[in-house]
Amino acid sequence: MEQLETEVKYYITDINALRNRLISLGAHAGKNLFEVNIRFDDKNKTLFTNKSLLRLRKDEKTTLTFKLQPKARDSRFKTLKEYEIETNDFATTCHILELLGFVQEQIYEKWRETLTIGSTSFCIDKMPYGNFLEIEGSSEEIIKYTSLLGLDWKKRIVLNYLEMFEILKESLNFPFSDVTFDNFNNIMLDFSEYHSIVAAGDL
């Protein structure tokens, strides 16, 4: 089914304090899962050019997702149309996509812990280059919980994790494109030095 995904991200430095604050607000804690994601594109990189995403994800299940920009969007948030289905075979789904002419462009990993309050989800994401909170819900709820959590609205991020990685890659001349924990194993990186570059500001 299609749904409109509306979200923002925040760079965070104290996961435990954030989690405790969410629990105090009534959040229900979910699982903490390791994800492997593969981004697919055609040989002409049409999806990337059109700012669309075809992704196969494996955690405790296998999920195929297609995202694209809606005709009307609110620039204060990251807003995308999302189509998503579950499959029961990661390798076979990957093979089908390749048979259809798609190629594996990029792998990215993360640890994700999801908490929920009503219909709003709070994902604590440990990326290889830093830790983030993703708030997904209605625009009104996102703004409300940003305030309740004591977060600075101007410091929210509306880029996706791969766009943030591309900024790091260009700045630090990374010789790799896959956002894996192994690739960042020996890299000393303080994401706070790049926060001002990725923050949305007054938009």
N, C-alpha and C. Protein backbone atom coordinates (compact mmCIF):
# COMPACT_ATOMS: atom_id res chain seq x y z
N MET A 1 0.82 -1.20 0.00
CA MET A 1 0.00 0.00 0.00
C MET A 1 0.86 1.25 0.00
N GLU A 2 0.33 2.30 -0.62
CA GLU A 2 1.03 3.58 -0.63
C GLU A 2 0.74 4.34 0.66
N GLN A 3 1.76 4.98 1.18
CA GLN A 3 1.55 5.90 2.29
C GLN A 3 2.50 7.07 2.14
N LEU A 4 2.13 8.17 2.77
CA LEU A 4 2.98 9.35 2.74
C LEU A 4 3.83 9.34 4.00
N GLU A 5 5.12 9.28 3.81
CA GLU A 5 6.07 9.23 4.93
C GLU A 5 6.54 10.65 5.23
N THR A 6 6.31 11.10 6.46
CA THR A 6 6.73 12.43 6.89
C THR A 6 7.63 12.27 8.11
N GLU A 7 8.83 12.82 8.05
CA GLU A 7 9.78 12.60 9.15
C GLU A 7 10.85 13.68 9.19
N VAL A 8 11.54 13.72 10.31
CA VAL A 8 12.77 14.51 10.45
C VAL A 8 13.75 13.67 11.27
N LYS A 9 15.02 14.04 11.20
CA LYS A 9 16.06 13.38 11.98
C LYS A 9 16.76 14.40 12.86
N TYR A 10 17.34 13.91 13.95
CA TYR A 10 18.19 14.72 14.81
C TYR A 10 19.46 13.94 15.13
N TYR A 11 20.58 14.61 15.07
CA TYR A 11 21.83 14.00 15.52
C TYR A 11 21.82 13.99 17.04
N ILE A 12 22.14 12.85 17.64
CA ILE A 12 22.10 12.73 19.10
C ILE A 12 23.42 12.19 19.63
N THR A 13 23.75 12.58 20.84
CA THR A 13 25.00 12.14 21.46
C THR A 13 24.79 11.30 22.72
N ASP A 14 23.58 11.35 23.29
CA ASP A 14 23.30 10.60 24.51
C ASP A 14 22.04 9.76 24.29
N ILE A 15 22.23 8.53 23.85
CA ILE A 15 21.11 7.66 23.53
C ILE A 15 20.30 7.31 24.77
N ASN A 16 20.98 7.00 25.86
CA ASN A 16 20.27 6.59 27.07
C ASN A 16 19.37 7.70 27.61
N ALA A 17 19.88 8.93 27.62
CA ALA A 17 19.07 10.05 28.10
C ALA A 17 17.85 10.25 27.21
N LEU A 18 18.04 10.13 25.91
CA LEU A 18 16.92 10.28 24.97
C LEU A 18 15.89 9.18 25.17
N ARG A 19 16.35 7.94 25.28
CA ARG A 19 15.43 6.83 25.48
C ARG A 19 14.63 7.01 26.77
N ASN A 20 15.31 7.41 27.84
CA ASN A 20 14.61 7.62 29.12
C ASN A 20 13.57 8.73 29.00
N ARG A 21 13.90 9.77 28.26
CA ARG A 21 12.94 10.86 28.06
C ARG A 21 11.72 10.37 27.28
N LEU A 22 11.94 9.57 26.27
CA LEU A 22 10.82 9.03 25.49
C LEU A 22 9.93 8.14 26.36
N ILE A 23 10.55 7.30 27.18
CA ILE A 23 9.79 6.43 28.07
C ILE A 23 8.95 7.26 29.03
N SER A 24 9.54 8.37 29.53
CA SER A 24 8.81 9.23 30.47
C SER A 24 7.62 9.90 29.79
N LEU A 25 7.68 10.04 28.47
CA LEU A 25 6.56 10.63 27.72
C LEU A 25 5.51 9.59 27.36
N GLY A 26 5.77 8.33 27.71
CA GLY A 26 4.80 7.27 27.45
C GLY A 26 5.12 6.38 26.27
N ALA A 27 6.35 6.45 25.76
CA ALA A 27 6.72 5.65 24.60
C ALA A 27 6.80 4.17 24.97
N HIS A 28 6.39 3.33 24.04
CA HIS A 28 6.51 1.89 24.18
C HIS A 28 7.72 1.43 23.39
N ALA A 29 8.64 0.75 24.07
CA ALA A 29 9.88 0.33 23.43
C ALA A 29 9.66 -0.92 22.58
N GLY A 30 10.31 -0.95 21.43
CA GLY A 30 10.27 -2.12 20.56
C GLY A 30 11.62 -2.79 20.50
N LYS A 31 11.86 -3.51 19.44
CA LYS A 31 13.11 -4.27 19.31
C LYS A 31 14.25 -3.39 18.81
N ASN A 32 15.45 -3.83 19.11
CA ASN A 32 16.66 -3.20 18.58
C ASN A 32 17.23 -4.16 17.55
N LEU A 33 17.14 -3.81 16.27
CA LEU A 33 17.47 -4.74 15.20
C LEU A 33 18.62 -4.23 14.34
N PHE A 34 19.42 -5.16 13.85
CA PHE A 34 20.48 -4.84 12.89
C PHE A 34 19.93 -4.96 11.49
N GLU A 35 20.14 -3.92 10.70
CA GLU A 35 19.62 -3.89 9.34
C GLU A 35 20.75 -3.92 8.31
N VAL A 36 20.52 -4.68 7.25
CA VAL A 36 21.33 -4.59 6.04
C VAL A 36 20.41 -4.13 4.92
N ASN A 37 20.78 -3.03 4.28
CA ASN A 37 19.98 -2.46 3.20
C ASN A 37 20.78 -2.45 1.91
N ILE A 38 20.13 -2.80 0.82
CA ILE A 38 20.75 -2.70 -0.50
C ILE A 38 19.93 -1.72 -1.33
N ARG A 39 20.61 -0.70 -1.85
CA ARG A 39 19.96 0.26 -2.75
C ARG A 39 20.18 -0.19 -4.19
N PHE A 40 19.09 -0.32 -4.93
CA PHE A 40 19.15 -0.74 -6.33
C PHE A 40 18.86 0.44 -7.25
N ASP A 41 19.40 0.36 -8.44
CA ASP A 41 19.09 1.35 -9.48
C ASP A 41 19.25 0.67 -10.83
N ASP A 42 18.79 1.34 -11.89
CA ASP A 42 19.05 0.79 -13.22
C ASP A 42 20.42 1.24 -13.69
N LYS A 43 20.84 0.79 -14.82
CA LYS A 43 22.20 1.07 -15.29
C LYS A 43 22.41 2.55 -15.61
N ASN A 44 21.32 3.28 -15.83
CA ASN A 44 21.43 4.72 -16.11
C ASN A 44 21.24 5.57 -14.86
N LYS A 45 21.11 4.90 -13.71
CA LYS A 45 20.92 5.59 -12.42
C LYS A 45 19.71 6.52 -12.45
N THR A 46 18.66 6.05 -13.09
CA THR A 46 17.45 6.85 -13.24
C THR A 46 16.80 7.16 -11.90
N LEU A 47 16.76 6.18 -11.01
CA LEU A 47 16.12 6.40 -9.72
C LEU A 47 16.86 7.46 -8.92
N PHE A 48 18.18 7.37 -8.90
CA PHE A 48 18.98 8.35 -8.17
C PHE A 48 18.77 9.75 -8.74
N THR A 49 18.75 9.85 -10.05
CA THR A 49 18.55 11.14 -10.71
C THR A 49 17.20 11.74 -10.34
N ASN A 50 16.19 10.90 -10.21
CA ASN A 50 14.84 11.37 -9.90
C ASN A 50 14.56 11.42 -8.40
N LYS A 51 15.61 11.22 -7.60
CA LYS A 51 15.51 11.25 -6.13
C LYS A 51 14.49 10.22 -5.63
N SER A 52 14.52 9.05 -6.27
CA SER A 52 13.70 7.93 -5.84
C SER A 52 14.61 6.86 -5.24
N LEU A 53 14.00 5.94 -4.50
CA LEU A 53 14.78 4.91 -3.83
C LEU A 53 14.10 3.56 -3.96
N LEU A 54 14.85 2.57 -4.44
CA LEU A 54 14.41 1.18 -4.46
C LEU A 54 15.34 0.42 -3.53
N ARG A 55 14.79 -0.09 -2.43
CA ARG A 55 15.62 -0.65 -1.36
C ARG A 55 15.10 -2.01 -0.92
N LEU A 56 16.06 -2.93 -0.74
CA LEU A 56 15.75 -4.22 -0.15
C LEU A 56 16.42 -4.27 1.22
N ARG A 57 15.61 -4.52 2.26
CA ARG A 57 16.11 -4.48 3.64
C ARG A 57 15.93 -5.84 4.31
N LYS A 58 16.95 -6.23 5.07
CA LYS A 58 16.86 -7.46 5.85
C LYS A 58 17.18 -7.15 7.31
N ASP A 59 16.22 -7.42 8.20
CA ASP A 59 16.47 -7.43 9.65
C ASP A 59 15.89 -8.75 10.15
N GLU A 60 14.82 -8.74 10.89
CA GLU A 60 14.19 -10.00 11.26
C GLU A 60 13.22 -10.45 10.18
N LYS A 61 13.01 -9.60 9.20
CA LYS A 61 12.18 -9.91 8.05
C LYS A 61 12.82 -9.29 6.82
N THR A 62 12.26 -9.53 5.66
CA THR A 62 12.76 -8.95 4.42
C THR A 62 11.71 -8.02 3.84
N THR A 63 12.10 -6.78 3.54
CA THR A 63 11.16 -5.75 3.09
C THR A 63 11.69 -5.08 1.82
N LEU A 64 10.83 -4.99 0.83
CA LEU A 64 11.15 -4.27 -0.40
C LEU A 64 10.38 -2.96 -0.38
N THR A 65 11.09 -1.85 -0.59
CA THR A 65 10.50 -0.52 -0.49
C THR A 65 10.85 0.32 -1.70
N PHE A 66 9.87 1.05 -2.19
CA PHE A 66 10.10 2.05 -3.23
C PHE A 66 9.60 3.39 -2.72
N LYS A 67 10.46 4.40 -2.80
CA LYS A 67 10.10 5.74 -2.35
C LYS A 67 10.31 6.74 -3.48
N LEU A 68 9.41 7.72 -3.55
CA LEU A 68 9.55 8.78 -4.54
C LEU A 68 8.95 10.05 -3.98
N GLN A 69 9.36 11.18 -4.54
CA GLN A 69 8.88 12.45 -4.05
C GLN A 69 7.44 12.70 -4.49
N PRO A 70 6.60 13.20 -3.59
CA PRO A 70 5.21 13.54 -3.96
C PRO A 70 5.19 14.83 -4.78
N LYS A 71 4.06 15.06 -5.44
CA LYS A 71 3.93 16.28 -6.23
C LYS A 71 3.97 17.52 -5.35
N ALA A 72 3.30 17.44 -4.21
CA ALA A 72 3.31 18.54 -3.26
C ALA A 72 4.03 18.09 -2.01
N ARG A 73 4.96 18.89 -1.51
CA ARG A 73 5.70 18.49 -0.33
C ARG A 73 5.97 19.71 0.55
N ASP A 74 6.13 19.45 1.84
CA ASP A 74 6.43 20.48 2.83
C ASP A 74 7.93 20.43 3.08
N SER A 75 8.64 21.48 2.70
CA SER A 75 10.10 21.50 2.78
C SER A 75 10.61 21.49 4.21
N ARG A 76 9.72 21.66 5.19
CA ARG A 76 10.16 21.60 6.59
C ARG A 76 10.48 20.17 7.02
N PHE A 77 9.99 19.19 6.24
CA PHE A 77 10.13 17.78 6.59
C PHE A 77 10.72 16.99 5.42
N LYS A 78 11.15 15.78 5.72
CA LYS A 78 11.46 14.84 4.64
C LYS A 78 10.16 14.10 4.35
N THR A 79 9.60 14.35 3.18
CA THR A 79 8.31 13.78 2.84
C THR A 79 8.43 12.98 1.55
N LEU A 80 8.01 11.72 1.59
CA LEU A 80 8.09 10.84 0.44
C LEU A 80 6.86 9.96 0.36
N LYS A 81 6.47 9.62 -0.87
CA LYS A 81 5.48 8.56 -1.07
C LYS A 81 6.21 7.23 -0.93
N GLU A 82 5.61 6.30 -0.21
CA GLU A 82 6.29 5.05 0.08
C GLU A 82 5.39 3.86 -0.25
N TYR A 83 5.96 2.91 -0.99
CA TYR A 83 5.28 1.64 -1.29
C TYR A 83 6.15 0.53 -0.71
N GLU A 84 5.55 -0.36 0.07
CA GLU A 84 6.36 -1.34 0.79
C GLU A 84 5.64 -2.68 0.87
N ILE A 85 6.41 -3.75 0.65
CA ILE A 85 5.88 -5.10 0.81
C ILE A 85 6.91 -5.96 1.53
N GLU A 86 6.42 -6.98 2.21
CA GLU A 86 7.31 -7.96 2.82
C GLU A 86 7.44 -9.16 1.90
N THR A 87 8.64 -9.74 1.85
CA THR A 87 8.86 -10.99 1.14
C THR A 87 9.45 -11.97 2.14
N ASN A 88 9.50 -13.24 1.78
CA ASN A 88 10.03 -14.23 2.71
C ASN A 88 11.39 -14.78 2.30
N ASP A 89 12.03 -14.12 1.30
CA ASP A 89 13.32 -14.63 0.82
C ASP A 89 14.17 -13.48 0.30
N PHE A 90 15.15 -13.08 1.09
CA PHE A 90 16.00 -11.95 0.74
C PHE A 90 16.79 -12.23 -0.54
N ALA A 91 17.44 -13.39 -0.61
CA ALA A 91 18.31 -13.71 -1.75
C ALA A 91 17.52 -13.80 -3.04
N THR A 92 16.35 -14.43 -2.99
CA THR A 92 15.55 -14.58 -4.20
C THR A 92 15.00 -13.24 -4.67
N THR A 93 14.56 -12.41 -3.74
CA THR A 93 14.07 -11.08 -4.11
C THR A 93 15.18 -10.26 -4.75
N CYS A 94 16.36 -10.36 -4.19
CA CYS A 94 17.52 -9.67 -4.75
C CYS A 94 17.78 -10.15 -6.18
N HIS A 95 17.70 -11.46 -6.38
CA HIS A 95 17.95 -12.05 -7.71
C HIS A 95 16.89 -11.60 -8.71
N ILE A 96 15.63 -11.54 -8.28
CA ILE A 96 14.55 -11.09 -9.17
C ILE A 96 14.80 -9.66 -9.63
N LEU A 97 15.20 -8.79 -8.71
CA LEU A 97 15.48 -7.40 -9.08
C LEU A 97 16.61 -7.32 -10.10
N GLU A 98 17.62 -8.14 -9.92
CA GLU A 98 18.74 -8.15 -10.87
C GLU A 98 18.30 -8.67 -12.23
N LEU A 99 17.45 -9.69 -12.25
CA LEU A 99 16.93 -10.22 -13.52
C LEU A 99 16.08 -9.18 -14.25
N LEU A 100 15.47 -8.27 -13.48
CA LEU A 100 14.65 -7.21 -14.07
C LEU A 100 15.51 -6.04 -14.58
N GLY A 101 16.82 -6.13 -14.38
CA GLY A 101 17.73 -5.11 -14.91
C GLY A 101 18.25 -4.14 -13.88
N PHE A 102 17.89 -4.31 -12.61
CA PHE A 102 18.41 -3.44 -11.56
C PHE A 102 19.76 -3.97 -11.06
N VAL A 103 20.59 -3.05 -10.60
CA VAL A 103 21.91 -3.43 -10.10
C VAL A 103 22.06 -2.93 -8.67
N GLN A 104 22.89 -3.64 -7.90
CA GLN A 104 23.15 -3.23 -6.52
C GLN A 104 24.11 -2.04 -6.53
N GLU A 105 23.61 -0.89 -6.14
CA GLU A 105 24.42 0.33 -6.16
C GLU A 105 25.14 0.57 -4.83
N GLN A 106 24.52 0.20 -3.73
CA GLN A 106 25.08 0.60 -2.44
C GLN A 106 24.49 -0.25 -1.33
N ILE A 107 25.34 -0.59 -0.37
CA ILE A 107 24.90 -1.28 0.84
C ILE A 107 25.04 -0.32 2.02
N TYR A 108 24.05 -0.29 2.89
CA TYR A 108 24.20 0.49 4.11
C TYR A 108 23.59 -0.26 5.28
N GLU A 109 24.24 -0.11 6.43
CA GLU A 109 23.86 -0.84 7.64
C GLU A 109 23.49 0.12 8.76
N LYS A 110 22.68 -0.38 9.67
CA LYS A 110 22.42 0.39 10.89
C LYS A 110 21.79 -0.51 11.94
N TRP A 111 21.92 -0.09 13.18
CA TRP A 111 21.16 -0.67 14.28
C TRP A 111 19.99 0.27 14.53
N ARG A 112 18.79 -0.28 14.62
CA ARG A 112 17.60 0.55 14.81
C ARG A 112 16.75 0.03 15.98
N GLU A 113 16.50 0.92 16.93
CA GLU A 113 15.59 0.65 18.03
C GLU A 113 14.37 1.55 17.85
N THR A 114 13.19 0.96 17.79
CA THR A 114 11.97 1.73 17.52
C THR A 114 11.10 1.82 18.77
N LEU A 115 10.69 3.03 19.09
CA LEU A 115 9.74 3.29 20.16
C LEU A 115 8.53 4.00 19.54
N THR A 116 7.37 3.84 20.16
CA THR A 116 6.17 4.44 19.60
C THR A 116 5.33 5.11 20.68
N ILE A 117 4.70 6.21 20.28
CA ILE A 117 3.67 6.86 21.08
C ILE A 117 2.49 7.08 20.13
N GLY A 118 1.42 6.31 20.32
CA GLY A 118 0.30 6.40 19.40
C GLY A 118 0.73 6.04 17.99
N SER A 119 0.49 6.93 17.04
CA SER A 119 0.85 6.68 15.65
C SER A 119 2.20 7.30 15.27
N THR A 120 2.92 7.84 16.25
CA THR A 120 4.23 8.45 16.00
C THR A 120 5.33 7.48 16.39
N SER A 121 6.30 7.29 15.50
CA SER A 121 7.41 6.39 15.78
C SER A 121 8.70 7.18 15.99
N PHE A 122 9.52 6.65 16.88
CA PHE A 122 10.80 7.26 17.21
C PHE A 122 11.87 6.19 17.02
N CYS A 123 12.69 6.36 16.01
CA CYS A 123 13.72 5.37 15.71
C CYS A 123 15.08 5.89 16.16
N ILE A 124 15.70 5.17 17.09
CA ILE A 124 17.06 5.50 17.51
C ILE A 124 17.99 4.69 16.62
N ASP A 125 18.66 5.39 15.72
CA ASP A 125 19.49 4.74 14.70
C ASP A 125 20.97 4.93 14.99
N LYS A 126 21.68 3.81 15.07
CA LYS A 126 23.13 3.84 15.19
C LYS A 126 23.71 3.57 13.80
N MET A 127 24.14 4.65 13.15
CA MET A 127 24.78 4.54 11.85
C MET A 127 26.28 4.39 12.03
N PRO A 128 26.99 3.89 11.03
CA PRO A 128 28.45 3.77 11.16
C PRO A 128 29.15 5.10 11.42
N TYR A 129 28.50 6.22 11.08
CA TYR A 129 29.16 7.52 11.25
C TYR A 129 28.51 8.39 12.34
N GLY A 130 27.54 7.85 13.09
CA GLY A 130 26.93 8.64 14.16
C GLY A 130 25.58 8.10 14.56
N ASN A 131 25.03 8.67 15.62
CA ASN A 131 23.73 8.23 16.15
C ASN A 131 22.67 9.30 15.91
N PHE A 132 21.46 8.85 15.57
CA PHE A 132 20.41 9.77 15.17
C PHE A 132 19.06 9.33 15.73
N LEU A 133 18.17 10.30 15.88
CA LEU A 133 16.78 10.02 16.18
C LEU A 133 15.96 10.40 14.96
N GLU A 134 15.12 9.48 14.51
CA GLU A 134 14.20 9.76 13.42
C GLU A 134 12.79 9.77 13.99
N ILE A 135 12.09 10.88 13.81
CA ILE A 135 10.70 10.98 14.25
C ILE A 135 9.81 10.95 13.02
N GLU A 136 8.90 9.98 12.99
CA GLU A 136 7.99 9.85 11.85
C GLU A 136 6.56 9.88 12.34
N GLY A 137 5.76 10.72 11.72
CA GLY A 137 4.36 10.85 12.09
C GLY A 137 3.75 12.02 11.34
N SER A 138 2.69 12.59 11.87
CA SER A 138 2.11 13.78 11.26
C SER A 138 3.02 14.97 11.53
N SER A 139 2.91 16.00 10.71
CA SER A 139 3.74 17.19 10.90
C SER A 139 3.51 17.81 12.27
N GLU A 140 2.26 17.81 12.71
CA GLU A 140 1.93 18.41 14.01
C GLU A 140 2.58 17.62 15.15
N GLU A 141 2.53 16.30 15.07
CA GLU A 141 3.13 15.46 16.12
C GLU A 141 4.66 15.58 16.13
N ILE A 142 5.25 15.68 14.96
CA ILE A 142 6.71 15.83 14.88
C ILE A 142 7.15 17.12 15.57
N ILE A 143 6.45 18.20 15.28
CA ILE A 143 6.78 19.48 15.91
C ILE A 143 6.56 19.41 17.42
N LYS A 144 5.45 18.78 17.83
CA LYS A 144 5.15 18.68 19.27
C LYS A 144 6.23 17.92 20.01
N TYR A 145 6.63 16.77 19.48
CA TYR A 145 7.61 15.94 20.20
C TYR A 145 9.03 16.50 20.10
N THR A 146 9.30 17.25 19.06
CA THR A 146 10.57 17.96 19.01
C THR A 146 10.69 18.88 20.22
N SER A 147 9.62 19.59 20.53
CA SER A 147 9.60 20.50 21.68
C SER A 147 9.65 19.73 23.00
N LEU A 148 8.84 18.68 23.13
CA LEU A 148 8.79 17.92 24.37
C LEU A 148 10.13 17.23 24.69
N LEU A 149 10.86 16.88 23.66
CA LEU A 149 12.16 16.23 23.85
C LEU A 149 13.30 17.23 24.04
N GLY A 150 12.97 18.51 23.95
CA GLY A 150 13.99 19.54 24.14
C GLY A 150 14.97 19.65 22.99
N LEU A 151 14.51 19.28 21.79
CA LEU A 151 15.38 19.33 20.61
C LEU A 151 15.22 20.68 19.91
N ASP A 152 16.26 21.09 19.24
CA ASP A 152 16.27 22.37 18.54
C ASP A 152 15.75 22.17 17.12
N TRP A 153 14.60 22.76 16.82
CA TRP A 153 13.97 22.59 15.50
C TRP A 153 14.91 22.97 14.37
N LYS A 154 15.72 23.99 14.58
CA LYS A 154 16.64 24.44 13.53
C LYS A 154 17.72 23.40 13.22
N LYS A 155 17.95 22.48 14.16
CA LYS A 155 19.00 21.48 13.96
C LYS A 155 18.47 20.17 13.39
N ARG A 156 17.19 20.15 13.03
CA ARG A 156 16.64 18.93 12.44
C ARG A 156 17.30 18.69 11.08
N ILE A 157 17.23 17.44 10.64
CA ILE A 157 17.85 17.04 9.37
C ILE A 157 16.75 16.45 8.48
N VAL A 158 16.67 16.91 7.25
CA VAL A 158 15.68 16.35 6.32
C VAL A 158 16.35 15.59 5.18
N LEU A 159 17.65 15.41 5.27
CA LEU A 159 18.38 14.56 4.33
C LEU A 159 18.23 13.11 4.77
N ASN A 160 18.39 12.17 3.84
CA ASN A 160 18.43 10.78 4.24
C ASN A 160 19.86 10.38 4.60
N TYR A 161 20.03 9.16 5.10
CA TYR A 161 21.35 8.75 5.58
C TYR A 161 22.38 8.64 4.45
N LEU A 162 21.93 8.30 3.27
CA LEU A 162 22.87 8.20 2.15
C LEU A 162 23.31 9.58 1.67
N GLU A 163 22.41 10.56 1.72
CA GLU A 163 22.79 11.92 1.36
C GLU A 163 23.80 12.49 2.36
N MET A 164 23.60 12.18 3.64
CA MET A 164 24.58 12.62 4.64
C MET A 164 25.92 11.96 4.42
N PHE A 165 25.89 10.68 4.08
CA PHE A 165 27.14 9.97 3.81
C PHE A 165 27.88 10.59 2.63
N GLU A 166 27.16 10.98 1.58
CA GLU A 166 27.82 11.57 0.41
C GLU A 166 28.54 12.86 0.78
N ILE A 167 27.99 13.62 1.70
CA ILE A 167 28.66 14.84 2.17
C ILE A 167 29.96 14.48 2.89
N LEU A 168 29.90 13.46 3.73
CA LEU A 168 31.10 13.00 4.44
C LEU A 168 32.13 12.45 3.46
N LYS A 169 31.66 11.67 2.51
CA LYS A 169 32.56 11.05 1.54
C LYS A 169 33.32 12.09 0.73
N GLU A 170 32.61 13.12 0.29
CA GLU A 170 33.25 14.19 -0.49
C GLU A 170 34.23 14.98 0.35
N SER A 171 33.85 15.24 1.61
CA SER A 171 34.71 16.04 2.49
C SER A 171 35.95 15.28 2.92
N LEU A 172 35.80 13.99 3.20
CA LEU A 172 36.90 13.20 3.77
C LEU A 172 37.54 12.25 2.77
N ASN A 173 37.09 12.31 1.51
CA ASN A 173 37.68 11.50 0.44
C ASN A 173 37.66 10.00 0.76
N PHE A 174 36.51 9.52 1.20
CA PHE A 174 36.39 8.09 1.47
C PHE A 174 36.58 7.30 0.18
N PRO A 175 37.34 6.20 0.22
CA PRO A 175 37.55 5.39 -0.98
C PRO A 175 36.48 4.33 -1.18
N PHE A 176 35.37 4.41 -0.42
CA PHE A 176 34.32 3.39 -0.48
C PHE A 176 32.96 4.06 -0.59
N SER A 177 31.98 3.27 -1.03
CA SER A 177 30.62 3.78 -1.18
C SER A 177 29.61 3.07 -0.27
N ASP A 178 30.00 1.93 0.27
CA ASP A 178 29.11 1.19 1.15
C ASP A 178 29.21 1.71 2.58
N VAL A 179 28.05 1.98 3.19
CA VAL A 179 28.02 2.55 4.54
C VAL A 179 27.88 1.39 5.53
N THR A 180 29.00 0.71 5.76
CA THR A 180 29.03 -0.45 6.65
C THR A 180 29.90 -0.14 7.86
N PHE A 181 29.65 -0.87 8.93
CA PHE A 181 30.44 -0.66 10.15
C PHE A 181 31.89 -1.08 9.92
N ASP A 182 32.11 -2.09 9.10
CA ASP A 182 33.49 -2.50 8.80
C ASP A 182 34.26 -1.38 8.10
N ASN A 183 33.62 -0.69 7.16
CA ASN A 183 34.30 0.39 6.44
C ASN A 183 34.67 1.55 7.35
N PHE A 184 33.90 1.77 8.41
CA PHE A 184 34.18 2.87 9.34
C PHE A 184 34.97 2.43 10.57
N ASN A 185 35.38 1.17 10.58
CA ASN A 185 35.99 0.60 11.78
C ASN A 185 37.20 1.37 12.28
N ASN A 186 38.05 1.84 11.39
CA ASN A 186 39.27 2.53 11.79
C ASN A 186 39.24 4.03 11.47
N ILE A 187 38.04 4.57 11.29
CA ILE A 187 37.90 5.98 10.96
C ILE A 187 37.45 6.76 12.19
N MET A 188 38.22 7.76 12.56
CA MET A 188 37.86 8.64 13.67
C MET A 188 37.03 9.78 13.10
N LEU A 189 35.75 9.83 13.48
CA LEU A 189 34.84 10.81 12.90
C LEU A 189 33.94 11.39 13.97
N ASP A 190 33.89 12.71 14.04
CA ASP A 190 32.98 13.41 14.95
C ASP A 190 31.92 14.09 14.08
N PHE A 191 30.73 13.49 14.03
CA PHE A 191 29.71 14.02 13.13
C PHE A 191 29.27 15.43 13.51
N SER A 192 29.45 15.81 14.76
CA SER A 192 29.04 17.16 15.19
C SER A 192 29.75 18.23 14.38
N GLU A 193 30.91 17.92 13.82
CA GLU A 193 31.64 18.89 12.99
C GLU A 193 30.91 19.15 11.66
N TYR A 194 30.00 18.26 11.30
CA TYR A 194 29.30 18.39 10.02
C TYR A 194 27.82 18.70 10.22
N HIS A 195 27.41 18.78 11.48
CA HIS A 195 25.99 18.96 11.77
C HIS A 195 25.43 20.23 11.15
N SER A 196 26.18 21.30 11.21
CA SER A 196 25.68 22.57 10.67
C SER A 196 25.48 22.51 9.14
N ILE A 197 26.22 21.63 8.50
CA ILE A 197 26.10 21.49 7.03
C ILE A 197 24.81 20.79 6.65
N VAL A 198 24.40 19.80 7.46
CA VAL A 198 23.23 18.98 7.11
C VAL A 198 21.94 19.48 7.75
N ALA A 199 22.05 20.37 8.76
CA ALA A 199 20.85 20.84 9.45
C ALA A 199 19.97 21.68 8.52
N ALA A 200 18.65 21.57 8.70
CA ALA A 200 17.70 22.26 7.82
C ALA A 200 17.59 23.75 8.14
N GLY A 201 17.86 24.13 9.36
CA GLY A 201 17.81 25.54 9.72
C GLY A 201 16.39 26.08 9.83
N ASP A 202 16.16 27.26 9.29
CA ASP A 202 14.88 27.96 9.45
C ASP A 202 13.83 27.59 8.41
N LEU A 203 14.10 26.60 7.58
CA LEU A 203 13.14 26.25 6.52
C LEU A 203 11.75 25.94 7.11
